[in-house]
Amino acid sequence: HVPIPFAEFMTLLSSRYVDFAHGVLTEWDWGMVNRHRTAWDLLLFKA
């Protein structure tokens, strides 16, 4: 909603990526598809 400069956005994005990669490697957490469903649950449902 509030536009941020691209350089600041990339800094934010890199920290989000580190959190994402840490979650995948340590807890097998691939994130949320929406507020009620994880990506892993969606995969198991559609597989």
ModelCIF file with pLDDT and N, C-alpha, C, O atoms, coordinates in Angstrom:
data_MODEL
#
_entry.id   MODEL 
#
_entity.id                         1 
_entity.type                       polymer 
_entity.pdbx_number_of_molecules   1 
#
_entity_poly.entity_id                      1 
_entity_poly.type                           'polypeptide(L)' 
_entity_poly.nstd_linkage                   no 
_entity_poly.nstd_monomer                   no 
_entity_poly.pdbx_seq_one_letter_code       HVPIPFAEFMTLLSSRYVDFAHGVLTEWDWGMVNRHRTAWDLLLFKA 
_entity_poly.pdbx_seq_one_letter_code_can   HVPIPFAEFMTLLSSRYVDFAHGVLTEWDWGMVNRHRTAWDLLLFKA 
_entity_poly.pdbx_strand_id                 A 
#
loop_
_entity_poly_seq.entity_id 
_entity_poly_seq.num 
_entity_poly_seq.mon_id 
_entity_poly_seq.hetero 
1 1  HIS n 
1 2  VAL n 
1 3  PRO n 
1 4  ILE n 
1 5  PRO n 
1 6  PHE n 
1 7  ALA n 
1 8  GLU n 
1 9  PHE n 
1 10 MET n 
1 11 THR n 
1 12 LEU n 
1 13 LEU n 
1 14 SER n 
1 15 SER n 
1 16 ARG n 
1 17 TYR n 
1 18 VAL n 
1 19 ASP n 
1 20 PHE n 
1 21 ALA n 
1 22 HIS n 
1 23 GLY n 
1 24 VAL n 
1 25 LEU n 
1 26 THR n 
1 27 GLU n 
1 28 TRP n 
1 29 ASP n 
1 30 TRP n 
1 31 GLY n 
1 32 MET n 
1 33 VAL n 
1 34 ASN n 
1 35 ARG n 
1 36 HIS n 
1 37 ARG n 
1 38 THR n 
1 39 ALA n 
1 40 TRP n 
1 41 ASP n 
1 42 LEU n 
1 43 LEU n 
1 44 LEU n 
1 45 PHE n 
1 46 LYS n 
1 47 ALA n 
#
_struct_asym.id          A 
_struct_asym.entity_id   1 
#
loop_
_ma_qa_metric.id 
_ma_qa_metric.mode 
_ma_qa_metric.name 
_ma_qa_metric.software_group_id 
_ma_qa_metric.type 
1 global pLDDT . pLDDT 
2 local  pLDDT . pLDDT 
#
_ma_qa_metric_global.metric_id      1 
_ma_qa_metric_global.metric_value   82.40 
_ma_qa_metric_global.model_id       1 
_ma_qa_metric_global.ordinal_id     1 
#
loop_
_ma_qa_metric_local.label_asym_id 
_ma_qa_metric_local.label_comp_id 
_ma_qa_metric_local.label_seq_id 
_ma_qa_metric_local.metric_id 
_ma_qa_metric_local.metric_value 
_ma_qa_metric_local.model_id 
_ma_qa_metric_local.ordinal_id 
A HIS 1  2 61.00 1 1  
A VAL 2  2 65.00 1 2  
A PRO 3  2 71.00 1 3  
A ILE 4  2 76.00 1 4  
A PRO 5  2 78.00 1 5  
A PHE 6  2 76.00 1 6  
A ALA 7  2 80.00 1 7  
A GLU 8  2 82.00 1 8  
A PHE 9  2 79.00 1 9  
A MET 10 2 81.00 1 10 
A THR 11 2 85.00 1 11 
A LEU 12 2 83.00 1 12 
A LEU 13 2 84.00 1 13 
A SER 14 2 86.00 1 14 
A SER 15 2 87.00 1 15 
A ARG 16 2 86.00 1 16 
A TYR 17 2 89.00 1 17 
A VAL 18 2 89.00 1 18 
A ASP 19 2 88.00 1 19 
A PHE 20 2 86.00 1 20 
A ALA 21 2 88.00 1 21 
A HIS 22 2 88.00 1 22 
A GLY 23 2 85.00 1 23 
A VAL 24 2 84.00 1 24 
A LEU 25 2 84.00 1 25 
A THR 26 2 87.00 1 26 
A GLU 27 2 84.00 1 27 
A TRP 28 2 81.00 1 28 
A ASP 29 2 80.00 1 29 
A TRP 30 2 80.00 1 30 
A GLY 31 2 78.00 1 31 
A MET 32 2 77.00 1 32 
A VAL 33 2 77.00 1 33 
A ASN 34 2 76.00 1 34 
A ARG 35 2 76.00 1 35 
A HIS 36 2 82.00 1 36 
A ARG 37 2 84.00 1 37 
A THR 38 2 84.00 1 38 
A ALA 39 2 83.00 1 39 
A TRP 40 2 83.00 1 40 
A ASP 41 2 86.00 1 41 
A LEU 42 2 87.00 1 42 
A LEU 43 2 87.00 1 43 
A LEU 44 2 88.00 1 44 
A PHE 45 2 90.00 1 45 
A LYS 46 2 90.00 1 46 
A ALA 47 2 92.00 1 47 
#
loop_
_atom_site.group_PDB 
_atom_site.id 
_atom_site.type_symbol 
_atom_site.label_atom_id 
_atom_site.label_alt_id 
_atom_site.label_comp_id 
_atom_site.label_asym_id 
_atom_site.label_entity_id 
_atom_site.label_seq_id 
_atom_site.pdbx_PDB_ins_code 
_atom_site.Cartn_x 
_atom_site.Cartn_y 
_atom_site.Cartn_z 
_atom_site.occupancy 
_atom_site.B_iso_or_equiv 
_atom_site.pdbx_formal_charge 
_atom_site.auth_seq_id 
_atom_site.auth_comp_id 
_atom_site.auth_asym_id 
_atom_site.auth_atom_id 
_atom_site.pdbx_PDB_model_num 
ATOM 1   N N  . HIS A 1 1  ? 0.829  -1.209  0.000  1.00 61.00 ? 1  HIS A N  1 
ATOM 2   C CA . HIS A 1 1  ? 0.000  0.000   0.000  1.00 61.00 ? 1  HIS A CA 1 
ATOM 3   C C  . HIS A 1 1  ? 0.862  1.258   0.000  1.00 61.00 ? 1  HIS A C  1 
ATOM 4   O O  . HIS A 1 1  ? 0.546  2.242   -0.668 1.00 61.00 ? 1  HIS A O  1 
ATOM 5   N N  . VAL A 1 2  ? 1.939  1.211   0.749  1.00 65.00 ? 2  VAL A N  1 
ATOM 6   C CA . VAL A 1 2  ? 2.863  2.341   0.776  1.00 65.00 ? 2  VAL A CA 1 
ATOM 7   C C  . VAL A 1 2  ? 4.059  1.958   -0.090 1.00 65.00 ? 2  VAL A C  1 
ATOM 8   O O  . VAL A 1 2  ? 4.824  1.067   0.281  1.00 65.00 ? 2  VAL A O  1 
ATOM 9   N N  . PRO A 1 3  ? 4.235  2.612   -1.234 1.00 71.00 ? 3  PRO A N  1 
ATOM 10  C CA . PRO A 1 3  ? 5.361  2.240   -2.097 1.00 71.00 ? 3  PRO A CA 1 
ATOM 11  C C  . PRO A 1 3  ? 6.694  2.484   -1.401 1.00 71.00 ? 3  PRO A C  1 
ATOM 12  O O  . PRO A 1 3  ? 6.924  3.545   -0.820 1.00 71.00 ? 3  PRO A O  1 
ATOM 13  N N  . ILE A 1 4  ? 7.548  1.505   -1.468 1.00 76.00 ? 4  ILE A N  1 
ATOM 14  C CA . ILE A 1 4  ? 8.878  1.647   -0.880 1.00 76.00 ? 4  ILE A CA 1 
ATOM 15  C C  . ILE A 1 4  ? 9.903  1.609   -2.010 1.00 76.00 ? 4  ILE A C  1 
ATOM 16  O O  . ILE A 1 4  ? 9.637  1.023   -3.059 1.00 76.00 ? 4  ILE A O  1 
ATOM 17  N N  . PRO A 1 5  ? 11.050 2.213   -1.818 1.00 78.00 ? 5  PRO A N  1 
ATOM 18  C CA . PRO A 1 5  ? 12.088 2.190   -2.855 1.00 78.00 ? 5  PRO A CA 1 
ATOM 19  C C  . PRO A 1 5  ? 12.551 0.754   -3.138 1.00 78.00 ? 5  PRO A C  1 
ATOM 20  O O  . PRO A 1 5  ? 12.523 -0.110  -2.261 1.00 78.00 ? 5  PRO A O  1 
ATOM 21  N N  . PHE A 1 6  ? 12.970 0.530   -4.363 1.00 76.00 ? 6  PHE A N  1 
ATOM 22  C CA . PHE A 1 6  ? 13.337 -0.816  -4.783 1.00 76.00 ? 6  PHE A CA 1 
ATOM 23  C C  . PHE A 1 6  ? 14.511 -1.361  -3.974 1.00 76.00 ? 6  PHE A C  1 
ATOM 24  O O  . PHE A 1 6  ? 14.518 -2.544  -3.632 1.00 76.00 ? 6  PHE A O  1 
ATOM 25  N N  . ALA A 1 7  ? 15.494 -0.537  -3.663 1.00 80.00 ? 7  ALA A N  1 
ATOM 26  C CA . ALA A 1 7  ? 16.652 -1.008  -2.886 1.00 80.00 ? 7  ALA A CA 1 
ATOM 27  C C  . ALA A 1 7  ? 16.222 -1.468  -1.498 1.00 80.00 ? 7  ALA A C  1 
ATOM 28  O O  . ALA A 1 7  ? 16.694 -2.491  -1.002 1.00 80.00 ? 7  ALA A O  1 
ATOM 29  N N  . GLU A 1 8  ? 15.329 -0.710  -0.876 1.00 82.00 ? 8  GLU A N  1 
ATOM 30  C CA . GLU A 1 8  ? 14.807 -1.108  0.445  1.00 82.00 ? 8  GLU A CA 1 
ATOM 31  C C  . GLU A 1 8  ? 13.980 -2.381  0.321  1.00 82.00 ? 8  GLU A C  1 
ATOM 32  O O  . GLU A 1 8  ? 14.032 -3.252  1.189  1.00 82.00 ? 8  GLU A O  1 
ATOM 33  N N  . PHE A 1 9  ? 13.222 -2.483  -0.757 1.00 79.00 ? 9  PHE A N  1 
ATOM 34  C CA . PHE A 1 9  ? 12.426 -3.680  -0.995 1.00 79.00 ? 9  PHE A CA 1 
ATOM 35  C C  . PHE A 1 9  ? 13.323 -4.905  -1.154 1.00 79.00 ? 9  PHE A C  1 
ATOM 36  O O  . PHE A 1 9  ? 12.993 -5.975  -0.642 1.00 79.00 ? 9  PHE A O  1 
ATOM 37  N N  . MET A 1 10 ? 14.450 -4.771  -1.854 1.00 81.00 ? 10 MET A N  1 
ATOM 38  C CA . MET A 1 10 ? 15.362 -5.897  -2.034 1.00 81.00 ? 10 MET A CA 1 
ATOM 39  C C  . MET A 1 10 ? 16.001 -6.323  -0.708 1.00 81.00 ? 10 MET A C  1 
ATOM 40  O O  . MET A 1 10 ? 16.240 -7.511  -0.487 1.00 81.00 ? 10 MET A O  1 
ATOM 41  N N  . THR A 1 11 ? 16.276 -5.362  0.166  1.00 85.00 ? 11 THR A N  1 
ATOM 42  C CA . THR A 1 11 ? 16.794 -5.701  1.491  1.00 85.00 ? 11 THR A CA 1 
ATOM 43  C C  . THR A 1 11 ? 15.761 -6.487  2.279  1.00 85.00 ? 11 THR A C  1 
ATOM 44  O O  . THR A 1 11 ? 16.082 -7.499  2.903  1.00 85.00 ? 11 THR A O  1 
ATOM 45  N N  . LEU A 1 12 ? 14.521 -6.018  2.249  1.00 83.00 ? 12 LEU A N  1 
ATOM 46  C CA . LEU A 1 12 ? 13.426 -6.725  2.905  1.00 83.00 ? 12 LEU A CA 1 
ATOM 47  C C  . LEU A 1 12 ? 13.248 -8.113  2.298  1.00 83.00 ? 12 LEU A C  1 
ATOM 48  O O  . LEU A 1 12 ? 13.039 -9.093  3.013  1.00 83.00 ? 12 LEU A O  1 
ATOM 49  N N  . LEU A 1 13 ? 13.334 -8.184  0.987  1.00 84.00 ? 13 LEU A N  1 
ATOM 50  C CA . LEU A 1 13 ? 13.156 -9.449  0.282  1.00 84.00 ? 13 LEU A CA 1 
ATOM 51  C C  . LEU A 1 13 ? 14.245 -10.448 0.630  1.00 84.00 ? 13 LEU A C  1 
ATOM 52  O O  . LEU A 1 13 ? 13.962 -11.634 0.799  1.00 84.00 ? 13 LEU A O  1 
ATOM 53  N N  . SER A 1 14 ? 15.469 -9.994  0.739  1.00 86.00 ? 14 SER A N  1 
ATOM 54  C CA . SER A 1 14 ? 16.559 -10.914 1.079  1.00 86.00 ? 14 SER A CA 1 
ATOM 55  C C  . SER A 1 14 ? 16.387 -11.468 2.490  1.00 86.00 ? 14 SER A C  1 
ATOM 56  O O  . SER A 1 14 ? 16.684 -12.638 2.730  1.00 86.00 ? 14 SER A O  1 
ATOM 57  N N  . SER A 1 15 ? 15.913 -10.647 3.427  1.00 87.00 ? 15 SER A N  1 
ATOM 58  C CA . SER A 1 15 ? 15.675 -11.164 4.783  1.00 87.00 ? 15 SER A CA 1 
ATOM 59  C C  . SER A 1 15 ? 14.501 -12.155 4.779  1.00 87.00 ? 15 SER A C  1 
ATOM 60  O O  . SER A 1 15 ? 14.527 -13.147 5.507  1.00 87.00 ? 15 SER A O  1 
ATOM 61  N N  . ARG A 1 16 ? 13.478 -11.891 3.966  1.00 86.00 ? 16 ARG A N  1 
ATOM 62  C CA . ARG A 1 16 ? 12.358 -12.823 3.859  1.00 86.00 ? 16 ARG A CA 1 
ATOM 63  C C  . ARG A 1 16 ? 12.816 -14.139 3.230  1.00 86.00 ? 16 ARG A C  1 
ATOM 64  O O  . ARG A 1 16 ? 12.353 -15.213 3.613  1.00 86.00 ? 16 ARG A O  1 
ATOM 65  N N  . TYR A 1 17 ? 13.728 -14.044 2.264  1.00 89.00 ? 17 TYR A N  1 
ATOM 66  C CA . TYR A 1 17 ? 14.231 -15.253 1.630  1.00 89.00 ? 17 TYR A CA 1 
ATOM 67  C C  . TYR A 1 17 ? 15.031 -16.098 2.620  1.00 89.00 ? 17 TYR A C  1 
ATOM 68  O O  . TYR A 1 17 ? 14.901 -17.322 2.635  1.00 89.00 ? 17 TYR A O  1 
ATOM 69  N N  . VAL A 1 18 ? 15.845 -15.462 3.437  1.00 89.00 ? 18 VAL A N  1 
ATOM 70  C CA . VAL A 1 18 ? 16.616 -16.195 4.439  1.00 89.00 ? 18 VAL A CA 1 
ATOM 71  C C  . VAL A 1 18 ? 15.666 -16.914 5.394  1.00 89.00 ? 18 VAL A C  1 
ATOM 72  O O  . VAL A 1 18 ? 15.895 -18.074 5.735  1.00 89.00 ? 18 VAL A O  1 
ATOM 73  N N  . ASP A 1 19 ? 14.598 -16.234 5.829  1.00 88.00 ? 19 ASP A N  1 
ATOM 74  C CA . ASP A 1 19 ? 13.605 -16.874 6.696  1.00 88.00 ? 19 ASP A CA 1 
ATOM 75  C C  . ASP A 1 19 ? 12.928 -18.051 5.991  1.00 88.00 ? 19 ASP A C  1 
ATOM 76  O O  . ASP A 1 19 ? 12.729 -19.108 6.590  1.00 88.00 ? 19 ASP A O  1 
ATOM 77  N N  . PHE A 1 20 ? 12.575 -17.861 4.712  1.00 86.00 ? 20 PHE A N  1 
ATOM 78  C CA . PHE A 1 20 ? 11.940 -18.927 3.932  1.00 86.00 ? 20 PHE A CA 1 
ATOM 79  C C  . PHE A 1 20 ? 12.870 -20.130 3.806  1.00 86.00 ? 20 PHE A C  1 
ATOM 80  O O  . PHE A 1 20 ? 12.457 -21.262 4.058  1.00 86.00 ? 20 PHE A O  1 
ATOM 81  N N  . ALA A 1 21 ? 14.125 -19.893 3.417  1.00 88.00 ? 21 ALA A N  1 
ATOM 82  C CA . ALA A 1 21 ? 15.084 -20.991 3.236  1.00 88.00 ? 21 ALA A CA 1 
ATOM 83  C C  . ALA A 1 21 ? 15.352 -21.701 4.563  1.00 88.00 ? 21 ALA A C  1 
ATOM 84  O O  . ALA A 1 21 ? 15.473 -22.925 4.593  1.00 88.00 ? 21 ALA A O  1 
ATOM 85  N N  . HIS A 1 22 ? 15.444 -20.952 5.650  1.00 88.00 ? 22 HIS A N  1 
ATOM 86  C CA . HIS A 1 22 ? 15.649 -21.552 6.966  1.00 88.00 ? 22 HIS A CA 1 
ATOM 87  C C  . HIS A 1 22 ? 14.461 -22.434 7.337  1.00 88.00 ? 22 HIS A C  1 
ATOM 88  O O  . HIS A 1 22 ? 14.643 -23.535 7.857  1.00 88.00 ? 22 HIS A O  1 
ATOM 89  N N  . GLY A 1 23 ? 13.249 -21.957 7.073  1.00 85.00 ? 23 GLY A N  1 
ATOM 90  C CA . GLY A 1 23 ? 12.056 -22.749 7.377  1.00 85.00 ? 23 GLY A CA 1 
ATOM 91  C C  . GLY A 1 23 ? 11.985 -24.025 6.553  1.00 85.00 ? 23 GLY A C  1 
ATOM 92  O O  . GLY A 1 23 ? 11.594 -25.074 7.065  1.00 85.00 ? 23 GLY A O  1 
ATOM 93  N N  . VAL A 1 24 ? 12.358 -23.944 5.285  1.00 84.00 ? 24 VAL A N  1 
ATOM 94  C CA . VAL A 1 24 ? 12.323 -25.135 4.427  1.00 84.00 ? 24 VAL A CA 1 
ATOM 95  C C  . VAL A 1 24 ? 13.370 -26.143 4.876  1.00 84.00 ? 24 VAL A C  1 
ATOM 96  O O  . VAL A 1 24 ? 13.078 -27.335 4.963  1.00 84.00 ? 24 VAL A O  1 
ATOM 97  N N  . LEU A 1 25 ? 14.572 -25.688 5.160  1.00 84.00 ? 25 LEU A N  1 
ATOM 98  C CA . LEU A 1 25 ? 15.656 -26.609 5.491  1.00 84.00 ? 25 LEU A CA 1 
ATOM 99  C C  . LEU A 1 25 ? 15.557 -27.189 6.893  1.00 84.00 ? 25 LEU A C  1 
ATOM 100 O O  . LEU A 1 25 ? 15.960 -28.333 7.110  1.00 84.00 ? 25 LEU A O  1 
ATOM 101 N N  . THR A 1 26 ? 15.032 -26.432 7.851  1.00 87.00 ? 26 THR A N  1 
ATOM 102 C CA . THR A 1 26 ? 15.025 -26.921 9.230  1.00 87.00 ? 26 THR A CA 1 
ATOM 103 C C  . THR A 1 26 ? 13.689 -27.539 9.643  1.00 87.00 ? 26 THR A C  1 
ATOM 104 O O  . THR A 1 26 ? 13.670 -28.519 10.387 1.00 87.00 ? 26 THR A O  1 
ATOM 105 N N  . GLU A 1 27 ? 12.579 -26.982 9.172  1.00 84.00 ? 27 GLU A N  1 
ATOM 106 C CA . GLU A 1 27 ? 11.268 -27.455 9.630  1.00 84.00 ? 27 GLU A CA 1 
ATOM 107 C C  . GLU A 1 27 ? 10.388 -27.993 8.513  1.00 84.00 ? 27 GLU A C  1 
ATOM 108 O O  . GLU A 1 27 ? 9.250  -28.394 8.759  1.00 84.00 ? 27 GLU A O  1 
ATOM 109 N N  . TRP A 1 28 ? 10.912 -28.006 7.265  1.00 81.00 ? 28 TRP A N  1 
ATOM 110 C CA . TRP A 1 28 ? 10.147 -28.426 6.092  1.00 81.00 ? 28 TRP A CA 1 
ATOM 111 C C  . TRP A 1 28 ? 8.875  -27.585 5.958  1.00 81.00 ? 28 TRP A C  1 
ATOM 112 O O  . TRP A 1 28 ? 7.817  -28.085 5.575  1.00 81.00 ? 28 TRP A O  1 
ATOM 113 N N  . ASP A 1 29 ? 9.006  -26.306 6.281  1.00 80.00 ? 29 ASP A N  1 
ATOM 114 C CA . ASP A 1 29 ? 7.903  -25.350 6.204  1.00 80.00 ? 29 ASP A CA 1 
ATOM 115 C C  . ASP A 1 29 ? 8.024  -24.577 4.897  1.00 80.00 ? 29 ASP A C  1 
ATOM 116 O O  . ASP A 1 29 ? 8.933  -23.761 4.743  1.00 80.00 ? 29 ASP A O  1 
ATOM 117 N N  . TRP A 1 30 ? 7.113  -24.827 3.951  1.00 80.00 ? 30 TRP A N  1 
ATOM 118 C CA . TRP A 1 30 ? 7.166  -24.203 2.630  1.00 80.00 ? 30 TRP A CA 1 
ATOM 119 C C  . TRP A 1 30 ? 6.314  -22.947 2.570  1.00 80.00 ? 30 TRP A C  1 
ATOM 120 O O  . TRP A 1 30 ? 6.163  -22.356 1.501  1.00 80.00 ? 30 TRP A O  1 
ATOM 121 N N  . GLY A 1 31 ? 5.767  -22.538 3.673  1.00 78.00 ? 31 GLY A N  1 
ATOM 122 C CA . GLY A 1 31 ? 4.990  -21.306 3.698  1.00 78.00 ? 31 GLY A CA 1 
ATOM 123 C C  . GLY A 1 31 ? 3.499  -21.564 3.622  1.00 78.00 ? 31 GLY A C  1 
ATOM 124 O O  . GLY A 1 31 ? 3.041  -22.707 3.626  1.00 78.00 ? 31 GLY A O  1 
ATOM 125 N N  . MET A 1 32 ? 2.748  -20.463 3.551  1.00 77.00 ? 32 MET A N  1 
ATOM 126 C CA . MET A 1 32 ? 1.293  -20.534 3.524  1.00 77.00 ? 32 MET A CA 1 
ATOM 127 C C  . MET A 1 32 ? 0.786  -20.186 2.122  1.00 77.00 ? 32 MET A C  1 
ATOM 128 O O  . MET A 1 32 ? 1.294  -19.270 1.475  1.00 77.00 ? 32 MET A O  1 
ATOM 129 N N  . VAL A 1 33 ? -0.216 -20.927 1.670  1.00 77.00 ? 33 VAL A N  1 
ATOM 130 C CA . VAL A 1 33 ? -0.868 -20.619 0.405  1.00 77.00 ? 33 VAL A CA 1 
ATOM 131 C C  . VAL A 1 33 ? -1.865 -19.493 0.630  1.00 77.00 ? 33 VAL A C  1 
ATOM 132 O O  . VAL A 1 33 ? -1.918 -18.526 -0.130 1.00 77.00 ? 33 VAL A O  1 
ATOM 133 N N  . ASN A 1 34 ? -2.642 -19.635 1.673  1.00 76.00 ? 34 ASN A N  1 
ATOM 134 C CA . ASN A 1 34 ? -3.515 -18.563 2.134  1.00 76.00 ? 34 ASN A CA 1 
ATOM 135 C C  . ASN A 1 34 ? -3.514 -18.619 3.656  1.00 76.00 ? 34 ASN A C  1 
ATOM 136 O O  . ASN A 1 34 ? -2.691 -19.319 4.246  1.00 76.00 ? 34 ASN A O  1 
ATOM 137 N N  . ARG A 1 35 ? -4.394 -17.914 4.279  1.00 76.00 ? 35 ARG A N  1 
ATOM 138 C CA . ARG A 1 35 ? -4.343 -17.846 5.750  1.00 76.00 ? 35 ARG A CA 1 
ATOM 139 C C  . ARG A 1 35 ? -4.693 -19.157 6.439  1.00 76.00 ? 35 ARG A C  1 
ATOM 140 O O  . ARG A 1 35 ? -4.377 -19.336 7.615  1.00 76.00 ? 35 ARG A O  1 
ATOM 141 N N  . HIS A 1 36 ? -5.338 -20.074 5.729  1.00 82.00 ? 36 HIS A N  1 
ATOM 142 C CA . HIS A 1 36 ? -5.834 -21.290 6.373  1.00 82.00 ? 36 HIS A CA 1 
ATOM 143 C C  . HIS A 1 36 ? -5.139 -22.564 5.913  1.00 82.00 ? 36 HIS A C  1 
ATOM 144 O O  . HIS A 1 36 ? -5.404 -23.635 6.459  1.00 82.00 ? 36 HIS A O  1 
ATOM 145 N N  . ARG A 1 37 ? -4.256 -22.474 4.919  1.00 84.00 ? 37 ARG A N  1 
ATOM 146 C CA . ARG A 1 37 ? -3.697 -23.687 4.344  1.00 84.00 ? 37 ARG A CA 1 
ATOM 147 C C  . ARG A 1 37 ? -2.210 -23.517 4.043  1.00 84.00 ? 37 ARG A C  1 
ATOM 148 O O  . ARG A 1 37 ? -1.788 -22.516 3.463  1.00 84.00 ? 37 ARG A O  1 
ATOM 149 N N  . THR A 1 38 ? -1.423 -24.518 4.449  1.00 84.00 ? 38 THR A N  1 
ATOM 150 C CA . THR A 1 38 ? 0.003  -24.482 4.146  1.00 84.00 ? 38 THR A CA 1 
ATOM 151 C C  . THR A 1 38 ? 0.238  -25.051 2.748  1.00 84.00 ? 38 THR A C  1 
ATOM 152 O O  . THR A 1 38 ? -0.623 -25.733 2.192  1.00 84.00 ? 38 THR A O  1 
ATOM 153 N N  . ALA A 1 39 ? 1.395  -24.764 2.196  1.00 83.00 ? 39 ALA A N  1 
ATOM 154 C CA . ALA A 1 39 ? 1.738  -25.264 0.869  1.00 83.00 ? 39 ALA A CA 1 
ATOM 155 C C  . ALA A 1 39 ? 1.843  -26.788 0.873  1.00 83.00 ? 39 ALA A C  1 
ATOM 156 O O  . ALA A 1 39 ? 1.469  -27.445 -0.098 1.00 83.00 ? 39 ALA A O  1 
ATOM 157 N N  . TRP A 1 40 ? 2.349  -27.338 1.964  1.00 83.00 ? 40 TRP A N  1 
ATOM 158 C CA . TRP A 1 40 ? 2.483  -28.792 2.073  1.00 83.00 ? 40 TRP A CA 1 
ATOM 159 C C  . TRP A 1 40 ? 1.108  -29.460 2.096  1.00 83.00 ? 40 TRP A C  1 
ATOM 160 O O  . TRP A 1 40 ? 0.926  -30.500 1.462  1.00 83.00 ? 40 TRP A O  1 
ATOM 161 N N  . ASP A 1 41 ? 0.141  -28.889 2.808  1.00 86.00 ? 41 ASP A N  1 
ATOM 162 C CA . ASP A 1 41 ? -1.217 -29.436 2.824  1.00 86.00 ? 41 ASP A CA 1 
ATOM 163 C C  . ASP A 1 41 ? -1.842 -29.397 1.431  1.00 86.00 ? 41 ASP A C  1 
ATOM 164 O O  . ASP A 1 41 ? -2.510 -30.346 1.019  1.00 86.00 ? 41 ASP A O  1 
ATOM 165 N N  . LEU A 1 42 ? -1.627 -28.312 0.717  1.00 87.00 ? 42 LEU A N  1 
ATOM 166 C CA . LEU A 1 42 ? -2.155 -28.200 -0.639 1.00 87.00 ? 42 LEU A CA 1 
ATOM 167 C C  . LEU A 1 42 ? -1.522 -29.250 -1.549 1.00 87.00 ? 42 LEU A C  1 
ATOM 168 O O  . LEU A 1 42 ? -2.211 -29.852 -2.374 1.00 87.00 ? 42 LEU A O  1 
ATOM 169 N N  . LEU A 1 43 ? -0.222 -29.472 -1.405 1.00 87.00 ? 43 LEU A N  1 
ATOM 170 C CA . LEU A 1 43 ? 0.452  -30.485 -2.201 1.00 87.00 ? 43 LEU A CA 1 
ATOM 171 C C  . LEU A 1 43 ? -0.118 -31.872 -1.916 1.00 87.00 ? 43 LEU A C  1 
ATOM 172 O O  . LEU A 1 43 ? -0.391 -32.634 -2.843 1.00 87.00 ? 43 LEU A O  1 
ATOM 173 N N  . LEU A 1 44 ? -0.296 -32.198 -0.652 1.00 88.00 ? 44 LEU A N  1 
ATOM 174 C CA . LEU A 1 44 ? -0.842 -33.508 -0.294 1.00 88.00 ? 44 LEU A CA 1 
ATOM 175 C C  . LEU A 1 44 ? -2.282 -33.670 -0.771 1.00 88.00 ? 44 LEU A C  1 
ATOM 176 O O  . LEU A 1 44 ? -2.709 -34.785 -1.070 1.00 88.00 ? 44 LEU A O  1 
ATOM 177 N N  . PHE A 1 45 ? -3.032 -32.579 -0.846 1.00 90.00 ? 45 PHE A N  1 
ATOM 178 C CA . PHE A 1 45 ? -4.404 -32.636 -1.325 1.00 90.00 ? 45 PHE A CA 1 
ATOM 179 C C  . PHE A 1 45 ? -4.452 -32.858 -2.831 1.00 90.00 ? 45 PHE A C  1 
ATOM 180 O O  . PHE A 1 45 ? -5.291 -33.617 -3.316 1.00 90.00 ? 45 PHE A O  1 
ATOM 181 N N  . LYS A 1 46 ? -3.568 -32.209 -3.573 1.00 90.00 ? 46 LYS A N  1 
ATOM 182 C CA . LYS A 1 46 ? -3.607 -32.268 -5.036 1.00 90.00 ? 46 LYS A CA 1 
ATOM 183 C C  . LYS A 1 46 ? -2.785 -33.411 -5.619 1.00 90.00 ? 46 LYS A C  1 
ATOM 184 O O  . LYS A 1 46 ? -3.007 -33.784 -6.771 1.00 90.00 ? 46 LYS A O  1 
ATOM 185 N N  . ALA A 1 47 ? -1.860 -33.971 -4.882 1.00 92.00 ? 47 ALA A N  1 
ATOM 186 C CA . ALA A 1 47 ? -0.960 -35.001 -5.411 1.00 92.00 ? 47 ALA A CA 1 
ATOM 187 C C  . ALA A 1 47 ? -1.690 -36.246 -5.918 1.00 92.00 ? 47 ALA A C  1 
ATOM 188 O O  . ALA A 1 47 ? -1.051 -37.187 -6.388 1.00 92.00 ? 47 ALA A O  1 
#
